[in-house]
Amino acid sequence: MYLEITGSLCCFQLTGVYYMQKLYKLI
């Protein structure tokens, strides 16, 4: 259970960083 939560959080952070970089390049 704990590993699943941390795994989903890690995935969420990676996608968040990816989208933030795309938005930053558009600005």
C-alpha atoms as a PDB file:
ATOM      1  CA  MET A   1       0.000   0.000   0.000  1.00  0.00           C
ATOM      2  CA  TYR A   2       2.729   2.453   1.017  1.00  0.00           C
ATOM      3  CA  LEU A   3       4.799   1.698  -2.081  1.00  0.00           C
ATOM      4  CA  GLU A   4       1.767   2.190  -4.311  1.00  0.00           C
ATOM      5  CA  ILE A   5       1.110   5.626  -2.811  1.00  0.00           C
ATOM      6  CA  THR A   6       4.733   6.766  -3.143  1.00  0.00           C
ATOM      7  CA  GLY A   7       4.860   5.316  -6.658  1.00  0.00           C
ATOM      8  CA  SER A   8       1.792   7.269  -7.776  1.00  0.00           C
ATOM      9  CA  LEU A   9       3.154  10.427  -6.130  1.00  0.00           C
ATOM     10  CA  CYS A  10       6.475   9.995  -7.939  1.00  0.00           C
ATOM     11  CA  CYS A  11       4.676   9.512 -11.247  1.00  0.00           C
ATOM     12  CA  PHE A  12       2.536  12.595 -10.548  1.00  0.00           C
ATOM     13  CA  GLN A  13       5.637  14.680  -9.785  1.00  0.00           C
ATOM     14  CA  LEU A  14       7.362  13.514 -12.983  1.00  0.00           C
ATOM     15  CA  THR A  15       4.365  14.426 -15.149  1.00  0.00           C
ATOM     16  CA  GLY A  16       4.028  17.726 -13.265  1.00  0.00           C
ATOM     17  CA  VAL A  17       7.655  18.638 -13.977  1.00  0.00           C
ATOM     18  CA  TYR A  18       7.199  17.622 -17.632  1.00  0.00           C
ATOM     19  CA  TYR A  19       4.170  19.869 -18.102  1.00  0.00           C
ATOM     20  CA  MET A  20       5.786  22.730 -16.183  1.00  0.00           C
ATOM     21  CA  GLN A  21       8.787  22.567 -18.524  1.00  0.00           C
ATOM     22  CA  LYS A  22       6.501  22.605 -21.584  1.00  0.00           C
ATOM     23  CA  LEU A  23       4.593  25.611 -20.237  1.00  0.00           C
ATOM     24  CA  TYR A  24       7.847  27.368 -19.348  1.00  0.00           C
ATOM     25  CA  LYS A  25       9.132  26.936 -22.912  1.00  0.00           C
ATOM     26  CA  LEU A  26       5.885  28.352 -24.321  1.00  0.00           C
ATOM     27  CA  ILE A  27       6.225  31.536 -22.268  1.00  0.00           C
END
